[in-house]
Amino acid sequence: MTNATIDDLFSQTLQGDYDNEIAWEAIHALQSIGTREVFDKAAAWCQANEPLKRARAADILGQLGKTSENPSPLFPDELFKLLTAMLESETDPGPLSSVLAAFGHLGNPSAIPLILPFSYHPDTDVRFDLAFALGCFADDKRTVSSLIKLMTDKDSEVRDWATFGLGVLGDFDSPEIRDALFGNLSDQDEDVREEAMVGLAKRKDLRSLPEVISGLESEEPSSRTLDAANFLLERTTDRFEDPSACLDATRQHFATQR
């Protein structure tokens, strides 16, 4: 890979707005290259004057060199120091969101106390990426109260990710967690409701049962409804994949508990 090609890819990451498809193709390409050269150039961009450059630096570094065989980014110690320095000085919501997401991808629990205060940030994107990051540490007790707070966020996508993180990715169980999940069963957003249903069912809380039955009775039961039913039926292996068979089994198993 020549310097010119890597430079071209870095330039491509600045095309359009933050969600530009071509820009993200370049980000993924640089992550796949995963060399020291890419790391150093991205690290230099962490100090750039342009907010988009700083955001792209964190986007690239957060998953630099990650593969299914190597789930952690390359140069993790240096990356943690870079992200910590950015977090301490960054005021623009764009780069700040990218830094929070990168901390989630890095997976170092030392980041938790550094990122928890951002649950009060006024920017929706910042709180969204915080919900994602905290979900990456859902089995750390330090994240529970902040995820519960984010589960009632005014933005539905933030509520969705917080509910998914605490309820589905996490294994902690408590009356407070269950009550938070039960509260989101009546959320106006379907994704939030279904993540809450799965989280409750995972904890064998039968307050999820009416939603599970209703979902299985619908014309096109969602995959999350099947997940919830299998949790209630304790079918972690040999799962029901056919909605009709799953509905029959659920009705039979819980015939006296509806």
C-alpha atoms as a PDB file:
ATOM      1  CA  MET A   1       0.000   0.000   0.000  1.00  0.00           C
ATOM      2  CA  THR A   2       1.643   3.256  -1.094  1.00  0.00           C
ATOM      3  CA  ASN A   3       1.672   6.485   0.844  1.00  0.00           C
ATOM      4  CA  ALA A   4      -0.350   8.108  -1.911  1.00  0.00           C
ATOM      5  CA  THR A   5      -3.070   5.485  -1.630  1.00  0.00           C
ATOM      6  CA  ILE A   6      -3.307   5.817   2.138  1.00  0.00           C
ATOM      7  CA  ASP A   7      -3.330   9.603   1.804  1.00  0.00           C
ATOM      8  CA  ASP A   8      -6.095   9.320  -0.779  1.00  0.00           C
ATOM      9  CA  LEU A   9      -8.168   7.201   1.590  1.00  0.00           C
ATOM     10  CA  PHE A  10      -7.709   9.699   4.401  1.00  0.00           C
ATOM     11  CA  SER A  11      -8.840  12.477   2.075  1.00  0.00           C
ATOM     12  CA  GLN A  12     -11.838  10.392   1.061  1.00  0.00           C
ATOM     13  CA  THR A  13     -12.959  10.155   4.686  1.00  0.00           C
ATOM     14  CA  LEU A  14     -13.694  13.893   4.572  1.00  0.00           C
ATOM     15  CA  GLN A  15     -16.201  13.689   1.724  1.00  0.00           C
ATOM     16  CA  GLY A  16     -19.743  14.825   2.376  1.00  0.00           C
ATOM     17  CA  ASP A  17     -21.335  14.833   5.791  1.00  0.00           C
ATOM     18  CA  TYR A  18     -20.513  12.517   8.686  1.00  0.00           C
ATOM     19  CA  ASP A  19     -22.654   9.624   7.427  1.00  0.00           C
ATOM     20  CA  ASN A  20     -21.414   9.799   3.832  1.00  0.00           C
ATOM     21  CA  GLU A  21     -21.199   6.264   2.412  1.00  0.00           C
ATOM     22  CA  ILE A  22     -18.023   6.866   0.403  1.00  0.00           C
ATOM     23  CA  ALA A  23     -16.313   8.343   3.440  1.00  0.00           C
ATOM     24  CA  TRP A  24     -17.184   5.286   5.533  1.00  0.00           C
ATOM     25  CA  GLU A  25     -15.898   2.962   2.823  1.00  0.00           C
ATOM     26  CA  ALA A  26     -12.551   4.726   3.140  1.00  0.00           C
ATOM     27  CA  ILE A  27     -12.660   4.452   6.945  1.00  0.00           C
ATOM     28  CA  HIS A  28     -13.275   0.710   6.743  1.00  0.00           C
ATOM     29  CA  ALA A  29     -10.479   0.344   4.195  1.00  0.00           C
ATOM     30  CA  LEU A  30      -8.022   2.135   6.469  1.00  0.00           C
ATOM     31  CA  GLN A  31      -9.104  -0.002   9.409  1.00  0.00           C
ATOM     32  CA  SER A  32      -8.457  -3.112   7.331  1.00  0.00           C
ATOM     33  CA  ILE A  33      -4.996  -1.908   6.307  1.00  0.00           C
ATOM     34  CA  GLY A  34      -4.236  -1.540  10.008  1.00  0.00           C
ATOM     35  CA  THR A  35      -0.596  -0.497   9.745  1.00  0.00           C
ATOM     36  CA  ARG A  36       1.515   1.697  11.975  1.00  0.00           C
ATOM     37  CA  GLU A  37       1.454   4.291   9.228  1.00  0.00           C
ATOM     38  CA  VAL A  38      -2.331   4.477   9.343  1.00  0.00           C
ATOM     39  CA  PHE A  39      -2.244   4.719  13.129  1.00  0.00           C
ATOM     40  CA  ASP A  40       0.299   7.550  13.093  1.00  0.00           C
ATOM     41  CA  LYS A  41      -1.583   9.571  10.504  1.00  0.00           C
ATOM     42  CA  ALA A  42      -4.868   9.143  12.373  1.00  0.00           C
ATOM     43  CA  ALA A  43      -3.130  10.060  15.626  1.00  0.00           C
ATOM     44  CA  ALA A  44      -1.929  13.293  14.024  1.00  0.00           C
ATOM     45  CA  TRP A  45      -5.494  14.065  12.960  1.00  0.00           C
ATOM     46  CA  CYS A  46      -6.560  13.847  16.615  1.00  0.00           C
ATOM     47  CA  GLN A  47      -4.966  17.289  16.986  1.00  0.00           C
ATOM     48  CA  ALA A  48      -6.377  18.772  13.775  1.00  0.00           C
ATOM     49  CA  ASN A  49      -8.203  22.099  13.766  1.00  0.00           C
ATOM     50  CA  GLU A  50     -11.100  20.698  11.731  1.00  0.00           C
ATOM     51  CA  PRO A  51     -13.687  18.843  13.866  1.00  0.00           C
ATOM     52  CA  LEU A  52     -14.424  16.359  11.070  1.00  0.00           C
ATOM     53  CA  LYS A  53     -10.768  15.340  10.911  1.00  0.00           C
ATOM     54  CA  ARG A  54     -10.722  14.723  14.661  1.00  0.00           C
ATOM     55  CA  ALA A  55     -13.913  12.681  14.383  1.00  0.00           C
ATOM     56  CA  ARG A  56     -12.511  10.618  11.530  1.00  0.00           C
ATOM     57  CA  ALA A  57      -9.334   9.973  13.511  1.00  0.00           C
ATOM     58  CA  ALA A  58     -11.353   8.412  16.329  1.00  0.00           C
ATOM     59  CA  ASP A  59     -13.546   6.522  13.843  1.00  0.00           C
ATOM     60  CA  ILE A  60     -10.497   4.956  12.201  1.00  0.00           C
ATOM     61  CA  LEU A  61      -8.600   4.208  15.390  1.00  0.00           C
ATOM     62  CA  GLY A  62     -11.519   2.695  17.283  1.00  0.00           C
ATOM     63  CA  GLN A  63     -11.538  -0.385  15.068  1.00  0.00           C
ATOM     64  CA  LEU A  64      -8.064  -0.279  13.551  1.00  0.00           C
ATOM     65  CA  GLY A  65      -7.060  -3.805  12.581  1.00  0.00           C
ATOM     66  CA  LYS A  66     -10.097  -5.430  14.213  1.00  0.00           C
ATOM     67  CA  THR A  67     -11.109  -8.788  12.780  1.00  0.00           C
ATOM     68  CA  SER A  68     -13.165 -11.747  13.964  1.00  0.00           C
ATOM     69  CA  GLU A  69      -9.896 -13.379  15.050  1.00  0.00           C
ATOM     70  CA  ASN A  70      -8.571 -10.185  16.664  1.00  0.00           C
ATOM     71  CA  PRO A  71     -11.543  -8.372  18.267  1.00  0.00           C
ATOM     72  CA  SER A  72      -9.439  -5.597  19.830  1.00  0.00           C
ATOM     73  CA  PRO A  73      -7.978  -2.615  17.958  1.00  0.00           C
ATOM     74  CA  LEU A  74      -4.249  -2.442  17.349  1.00  0.00           C
ATOM     75  CA  PHE A  75      -1.950  -0.399  19.593  1.00  0.00           C
ATOM     76  CA  PRO A  76      -4.511  -0.427  22.450  1.00  0.00           C
ATOM     77  CA  ASP A  77      -2.371   1.301  25.096  1.00  0.00           C
ATOM     78  CA  GLU A  78      -1.431   4.174  22.811  1.00  0.00           C
ATOM     79  CA  LEU A  79      -5.002   4.378  21.585  1.00  0.00           C
ATOM     80  CA  PHE A  80      -6.350   4.637  25.119  1.00  0.00           C
ATOM     81  CA  LYS A  81      -4.006   7.536  25.866  1.00  0.00           C
ATOM     82  CA  LEU A  82      -5.015   9.312  22.649  1.00  0.00           C
ATOM     83  CA  LEU A  83      -8.725   8.909  23.323  1.00  0.00           C
ATOM     84  CA  THR A  84      -8.335  10.037  26.941  1.00  0.00           C
ATOM     85  CA  ALA A  85      -6.522  13.188  25.831  1.00  0.00           C
ATOM     86  CA  MET A  86      -9.230  13.904  23.266  1.00  0.00           C
ATOM     87  CA  LEU A  87     -11.976  13.368  25.815  1.00  0.00           C
ATOM     88  CA  GLU A  88     -10.370  15.851  28.196  1.00  0.00           C
ATOM     89  CA  SER A  89     -10.133  18.627  25.603  1.00  0.00           C
ATOM     90  CA  GLU A  90     -12.892  17.981  23.056  1.00  0.00           C
ATOM     91  CA  THR A  91     -15.912  20.303  23.043  1.00  0.00           C
ATOM     92  CA  ASP A  92     -17.374  19.668  19.593  1.00  0.00           C
ATOM     93  CA  PRO A  93     -20.183  17.036  19.697  1.00  0.00           C
ATOM     94  CA  GLY A  94     -19.062  15.374  16.458  1.00  0.00           C
ATOM     95  CA  PRO A  95     -15.571  14.296  17.488  1.00  0.00           C
ATOM     96  CA  LEU A  96     -16.768  13.692  21.029  1.00  0.00           C
ATOM     97  CA  SER A  97     -19.331  11.165  19.788  1.00  0.00           C
ATOM     98  CA  SER A  98     -16.649   9.375  17.786  1.00  0.00           C
ATOM     99  CA  VAL A  99     -14.334   9.230  20.798  1.00  0.00           C
ATOM    100  CA  LEU A 100     -17.043   7.687  22.975  1.00  0.00           C
ATOM    101  CA  ALA A 101     -17.801   5.061  20.324  1.00  0.00           C
ATOM    102  CA  ALA A 102     -14.086   4.314  19.989  1.00  0.00           C
ATOM    103  CA  PHE A 103     -13.841   3.717  23.745  1.00  0.00           C
ATOM    104  CA  GLY A 104     -16.618   1.142  23.370  1.00  0.00           C
ATOM    105  CA  HIS A 105     -14.782  -0.625  20.562  1.00  0.00           C
ATOM    106  CA  LEU A 106     -11.524  -0.556  22.528  1.00  0.00           C
ATOM    107  CA  GLY A 107     -13.159  -2.438  25.400  1.00  0.00           C
ATOM    108  CA  ASN A 108     -10.894  -1.160  28.152  1.00  0.00           C
ATOM    109  CA  PRO A 109     -13.010  -0.862  31.347  1.00  0.00           C
ATOM    110  CA  SER A 110     -10.722   1.879  32.612  1.00  0.00           C
ATOM    111  CA  ALA A 111     -12.711   4.135  30.283  1.00  0.00           C
ATOM    112  CA  ILE A 112     -15.931   3.726  32.274  1.00  0.00           C
ATOM    113  CA  PRO A 113     -15.408   6.464  34.893  1.00  0.00           C
ATOM    114  CA  LEU A 114     -14.171   8.784  32.145  1.00  0.00           C
ATOM    115  CA  ILE A 115     -17.288   8.453  29.981  1.00  0.00           C
ATOM    116  CA  LEU A 116     -20.085   8.148  32.566  1.00  0.00           C
ATOM    117  CA  PRO A 117     -20.536  11.936  33.014  1.00  0.00           C
ATOM    118  CA  PHE A 118     -21.587  12.295  29.382  1.00  0.00           C
ATOM    119  CA  SER A 119     -25.009  10.804  30.126  1.00  0.00           C
ATOM    120  CA  TYR A 120     -25.968  14.408  30.912  1.00  0.00           C
ATOM    121  CA  HIS A 121     -24.600  15.863  27.676  1.00  0.00           C
ATOM    122  CA  PRO A 122     -27.126  18.024  25.787  1.00  0.00           C
ATOM    123  CA  ASP A 123     -26.256  16.584  22.361  1.00  0.00           C
ATOM    124  CA  THR A 124     -28.284  13.571  21.252  1.00  0.00           C
ATOM    125  CA  ASP A 125     -25.475  12.023  19.200  1.00  0.00           C
ATOM    126  CA  VAL A 126     -23.127  12.171  22.175  1.00  0.00           C
ATOM    127  CA  ARG A 127     -25.643  10.389  24.393  1.00  0.00           C
ATOM    128  CA  PHE A 128     -26.311   7.854  21.629  1.00  0.00           C
ATOM    129  CA  ASP A 129     -22.645   6.922  21.307  1.00  0.00           C
ATOM    130  CA  LEU A 130     -22.349   6.852  25.083  1.00  0.00           C
ATOM    131  CA  ALA A 131     -25.238   4.349  25.206  1.00  0.00           C
ATOM    132  CA  PHE A 132     -23.370   2.236  22.656  1.00  0.00           C
ATOM    133  CA  ALA A 133     -20.103   2.484  24.585  1.00  0.00           C
ATOM    134  CA  LEU A 134     -21.679   1.631  27.935  1.00  0.00           C
ATOM    135  CA  GLY A 135     -23.405  -1.342  26.325  1.00  0.00           C
ATOM    136  CA  CYS A 136     -19.936  -2.680  25.528  1.00  0.00           C
ATOM    137  CA  PHE A 137     -19.386  -2.786  29.324  1.00  0.00           C
ATOM    138  CA  ALA A 138     -22.885  -3.955  30.253  1.00  0.00           C
ATOM    139  CA  ASP A 139     -21.555  -6.530  32.713  1.00  0.00           C
ATOM    140  CA  ASP A 140     -19.718  -3.910  34.726  1.00  0.00           C
ATOM    141  CA  LYS A 141     -21.851  -2.695  37.638  1.00  0.00           C
ATOM    142  CA  ARG A 142     -20.578   0.840  37.191  1.00  0.00           C
ATOM    143  CA  THR A 143     -22.583   1.215  33.987  1.00  0.00           C
ATOM    144  CA  VAL A 144     -25.991   0.126  35.299  1.00  0.00           C
ATOM    145  CA  SER A 145     -27.330   3.386  36.701  1.00  0.00           C
ATOM    146  CA  SER A 146     -26.274   5.392  33.650  1.00  0.00           C
ATOM    147  CA  LEU A 147     -27.813   2.876  31.263  1.00  0.00           C
ATOM    148  CA  ILE A 148     -31.061   2.986  33.253  1.00  0.00           C
ATOM    149  CA  LYS A 149     -30.988   6.781  32.958  1.00  0.00           C
ATOM    150  CA  LEU A 150     -30.402   6.593  29.199  1.00  0.00           C
ATOM    151  CA  MET A 151     -33.294   4.131  28.872  1.00  0.00           C
ATOM    152  CA  THR A 152     -35.609   7.092  29.537  1.00  0.00           C
ATOM    153  CA  ASP A 153     -33.805   9.499  27.216  1.00  0.00           C
ATOM    154  CA  LYS A 154     -35.970  11.797  25.092  1.00  0.00           C
ATOM    155  CA  ASP A 155     -34.435  10.319  21.933  1.00  0.00           C
ATOM    156  CA  SER A 156     -35.750   6.905  20.889  1.00  0.00           C
ATOM    157  CA  GLU A 157     -32.441   5.686  19.442  1.00  0.00           C
ATOM    158  CA  VAL A 158     -30.661   6.456  22.694  1.00  0.00           C
ATOM    159  CA  ARG A 159     -33.370   4.598  24.629  1.00  0.00           C
ATOM    160  CA  ASP A 160     -33.093   1.696  22.183  1.00  0.00           C
ATOM    161  CA  TRP A 161     -29.340   1.266  22.564  1.00  0.00           C
ATOM    162  CA  ALA A 162     -29.433   1.674  26.334  1.00  0.00           C
ATOM    163  CA  THR A 163     -32.231  -0.891  26.625  1.00  0.00           C
ATOM    164  CA  PHE A 164     -30.391  -3.296  24.330  1.00  0.00           C
ATOM    165  CA  GLY A 165     -27.124  -2.833  26.197  1.00  0.00           C
ATOM    166  CA  LEU A 166     -28.435  -3.311  29.703  1.00  0.00           C
ATOM    167  CA  GLY A 167     -31.249  -5.737  28.936  1.00  0.00           C
ATOM    168  CA  VAL A 168     -29.889  -7.931  26.160  1.00  0.00           C
ATOM    169  CA  LEU A 169     -26.096  -7.650  26.165  1.00  0.00           C
ATOM    170  CA  GLY A 170     -25.860  -7.481  29.944  1.00  0.00           C
ATOM    171  CA  ASP A 171     -26.520 -10.286  32.401  1.00  0.00           C
ATOM    172  CA  PHE A 172     -27.038  -8.315  35.601  1.00  0.00           C
ATOM    173  CA  ASP A 173     -30.399  -8.803  37.261  1.00  0.00           C
ATOM    174  CA  SER A 174     -32.076  -6.711  39.937  1.00  0.00           C
ATOM    175  CA  PRO A 175     -35.553  -5.348  40.709  1.00  0.00           C
ATOM    176  CA  GLU A 176     -34.359  -1.936  39.496  1.00  0.00           C
ATOM    177  CA  ILE A 177     -33.201  -3.340  36.148  1.00  0.00           C
ATOM    178  CA  ARG A 178     -36.380  -5.348  35.685  1.00  0.00           C
ATOM    179  CA  ASP A 179     -38.589  -2.377  36.506  1.00  0.00           C
ATOM    180  CA  ALA A 180     -36.694  -0.206  34.019  1.00  0.00           C
ATOM    181  CA  LEU A 181     -37.177  -2.851  31.341  1.00  0.00           C
ATOM    182  CA  PHE A 182     -40.850  -3.234  32.237  1.00  0.00           C
ATOM    183  CA  GLY A 183     -41.282   0.516  31.919  1.00  0.00           C
ATOM    184  CA  ASN A 184     -39.964   0.405  28.371  1.00  0.00           C
ATOM    185  CA  LEU A 185     -42.460  -2.288  27.367  1.00  0.00           C
ATOM    186  CA  SER A 186     -44.882   0.586  26.824  1.00  0.00           C
ATOM    187  CA  ASP A 187     -42.435   2.819  24.952  1.00  0.00           C
ATOM    188  CA  GLN A 188     -43.780   4.550  21.851  1.00  0.00           C
ATOM    189  CA  ASP A 189     -40.915   3.118  19.791  1.00  0.00           C
ATOM    190  CA  GLU A 190     -41.247  -0.489  18.623  1.00  0.00           C
ATOM    191  CA  ASP A 191     -37.525  -1.232  18.782  1.00  0.00           C
ATOM    192  CA  VAL A 192     -37.344  -0.032  22.383  1.00  0.00           C
ATOM    193  CA  ARG A 193     -40.401  -2.124  23.320  1.00  0.00           C
ATOM    194  CA  GLU A 194     -38.957  -5.266  21.749  1.00  0.00           C
ATOM    195  CA  GLU A 195     -35.514  -4.851  23.338  1.00  0.00           C
ATOM    196  CA  ALA A 196     -37.234  -4.405  26.709  1.00  0.00           C
ATOM    197  CA  MET A 197     -39.297  -7.536  26.079  1.00  0.00           C
ATOM    198  CA  VAL A 198     -36.175  -9.570  25.300  1.00  0.00           C
ATOM    199  CA  GLY A 199     -34.370  -8.195  28.358  1.00  0.00           C
ATOM    200  CA  LEU A 200     -37.234  -9.110  30.669  1.00  0.00           C
ATOM    201  CA  ALA A 201     -37.651 -12.550  29.121  1.00  0.00           C
ATOM    202  CA  LYS A 202     -33.917 -13.174  29.485  1.00  0.00           C
ATOM    203  CA  ARG A 203     -34.441 -12.664  33.227  1.00  0.00           C
ATOM    204  CA  LYS A 204     -37.495 -14.975  33.208  1.00  0.00           C
ATOM    205  CA  ASP A 205     -39.739 -12.087  34.220  1.00  0.00           C
ATOM    206  CA  LEU A 206     -43.279 -13.093  33.244  1.00  0.00           C
ATOM    207  CA  ARG A 207     -44.332  -9.485  32.800  1.00  0.00           C
ATOM    208  CA  SER A 208     -42.899  -9.985  29.322  1.00  0.00           C
ATOM    209  CA  LEU A 209     -45.237 -12.891  28.552  1.00  0.00           C
ATOM    210  CA  PRO A 210     -48.225 -10.917  27.197  1.00  0.00           C
ATOM    211  CA  GLU A 211     -45.938  -9.071  24.776  1.00  0.00           C
ATOM    212  CA  VAL A 212     -44.297 -12.316  23.696  1.00  0.00           C
ATOM    213  CA  ILE A 213     -47.641 -14.019  23.049  1.00  0.00           C
ATOM    214  CA  SER A 214     -48.949 -10.974  21.196  1.00  0.00           C
ATOM    215  CA  GLY A 215     -45.814 -10.823  19.072  1.00  0.00           C
ATOM    216  CA  LEU A 216     -45.973 -14.525  18.214  1.00  0.00           C
ATOM    217  CA  GLU A 217     -49.627 -14.137  17.227  1.00  0.00           C
ATOM    218  CA  SER A 218     -48.834 -11.360  14.752  1.00  0.00           C
ATOM    219  CA  GLU A 219     -48.609 -12.011  11.012  1.00  0.00           C
ATOM    220  CA  GLU A 220     -44.823 -11.609  10.942  1.00  0.00           C
ATOM    221  CA  PRO A 221     -43.268 -12.288  14.361  1.00  0.00           C
ATOM    222  CA  SER A 222     -39.934 -10.515  14.742  1.00  0.00           C
ATOM    223  CA  SER A 223     -36.675 -12.266  15.485  1.00  0.00           C
ATOM    224  CA  ARG A 224     -36.620 -10.500  18.839  1.00  0.00           C
ATOM    225  CA  THR A 225     -40.005 -11.987  19.723  1.00  0.00           C
ATOM    226  CA  LEU A 226     -38.597 -15.437  19.008  1.00  0.00           C
ATOM    227  CA  ASP A 227     -35.541 -14.595  21.110  1.00  0.00           C
ATOM    228  CA  ALA A 228     -37.773 -13.571  24.016  1.00  0.00           C
ATOM    229  CA  ALA A 229     -39.949 -16.679  23.755  1.00  0.00           C
ATOM    230  CA  ASN A 230     -36.922 -18.954  23.715  1.00  0.00           C
ATOM    231  CA  PHE A 231     -35.548 -17.202  26.784  1.00  0.00           C
ATOM    232  CA  LEU A 232     -38.822 -17.772  28.643  1.00  0.00           C
ATOM    233  CA  LEU A 233     -38.886 -21.403  27.553  1.00  0.00           C
ATOM    234  CA  GLU A 234     -35.209 -21.777  28.507  1.00  0.00           C
ATOM    235  CA  ARG A 235     -34.408 -22.968  25.004  1.00  0.00           C
ATOM    236  CA  THR A 236     -30.908 -21.545  24.760  1.00  0.00           C
ATOM    237  CA  THR A 237     -30.030 -24.588  22.664  1.00  0.00           C
ATOM    238  CA  ASP A 238     -32.413 -26.346  20.313  1.00  0.00           C
ATOM    239  CA  ARG A 239     -34.264 -23.088  19.847  1.00  0.00           C
ATOM    240  CA  PHE A 240     -37.681 -22.729  18.337  1.00  0.00           C
ATOM    241  CA  GLU A 241     -37.253 -21.005  14.992  1.00  0.00           C
ATOM    242  CA  ASP A 242     -40.743 -21.633  13.640  1.00  0.00           C
ATOM    243  CA  PRO A 243     -43.108 -18.958  15.052  1.00  0.00           C
ATOM    244  CA  SER A 244     -46.139 -21.246  14.996  1.00  0.00           C
ATOM    245  CA  ALA A 245     -44.409 -24.027  16.918  1.00  0.00           C
ATOM    246  CA  CYS A 246     -42.953 -21.480  19.299  1.00  0.00           C
ATOM    247  CA  LEU A 247     -46.401 -19.993  19.942  1.00  0.00           C
ATOM    248  CA  ASP A 248     -47.904 -23.427  20.653  1.00  0.00           C
ATOM    249  CA  ALA A 249     -45.087 -24.294  23.055  1.00  0.00           C
ATOM    250  CA  THR A 250     -45.327 -20.950  24.839  1.00  0.00           C
ATOM    251  CA  ARG A 251     -49.098 -21.181  25.223  1.00  0.00           C
ATOM    252  CA  GLN A 252     -48.842 -24.716  26.560  1.00  0.00           C
ATOM    253  CA  HIS A 253     -45.991 -23.983  28.939  1.00  0.00           C
ATOM    254  CA  PHE A 254     -47.607 -20.881  30.401  1.00  0.00           C
ATOM    255  CA  ALA A 255     -51.271 -21.935  30.099  1.00  0.00           C
ATOM    256  CA  THR A 256     -52.069 -20.975  33.680  1.00  0.00           C
ATOM    257  CA  GLN A 257     -49.839 -17.926  33.957  1.00  0.00           C
ATOM    258  CA  ARG A 258     -51.333 -15.407  31.504  1.00  0.00           C
END
